[in-house]
């Protein structure tokens, strides 16, 4: 009999004690609204309108990303309806998010949203988890170790997707040979918002990797500055709300999509 680790993993359900029912659509909408109202403004690195539109369609976002958003939202206990708090807990959603992350890695699917989920899980472990709210030094150290491992996974995966070389690849047009050519698992972006979301996601991962290194005093998993060819996020309050209708590829070739007045200096 041939051993198939992927199928064996996928056929093994997550071990969740007293597993409640999957949340109803209304419950999920409520938790998403809480996330976007309370947490999203502090780290707007996912595209709000695109995620919500996808949620209401037949092509929903990956469960790993959704579950970690629910975990962060339900941690805002004073904002969550009592009936939801009685049924679900942050650790319920966190456990499901972690399982779906590993499922995505086993299948090598939805890797960009998996990077985003790993970044959120890192933040959750360091500040929003139920365990992190206790005052046990030993448990806080465990949370920091978990966050260090998660941020390392996120950074490795972002490198596989080429998120650290976004502008080295595209600033001078799609036909240009990439200076640091290497196999990438992510196709070129098709819109301004998609490119900006990738930039924001990479820098969120980079910050998480640096932050967890400081917390654990272990060596940083972050890339060196001279290895990063991705511009910092733009100062654009409209990100997540407006999808540009201009010709993206034409503006890529003419470098009109990256005005210097709305961009910080590249790290080199």
Foldseek 3Di string as FASTA:
>chain_A
DDDDVLVVLVPDDQDDPPQFDDDDPVLLVLLLVQLVVPPCVVQVLDQAVVQVVCCPDPNHQQLLLSLLSSLQSVLVVVSHDPVCVVGDHSVSSLSVSVSSLVNCVSVVPPLVSSLVSLLSLLVCLQPRHPQNPDDDPVSNLVSLVVSLVSLLVSQVSLVLQVLQALCLCQQQAPPDDRPPDDHHPHDRDQFLLVNLSSQSSNVSSLVSQVVSCVVNVPDGSHDDLVSGNRFHHFPDPCRSPDTDPDHPRVCSNVSVSCDPVRTDDRRD
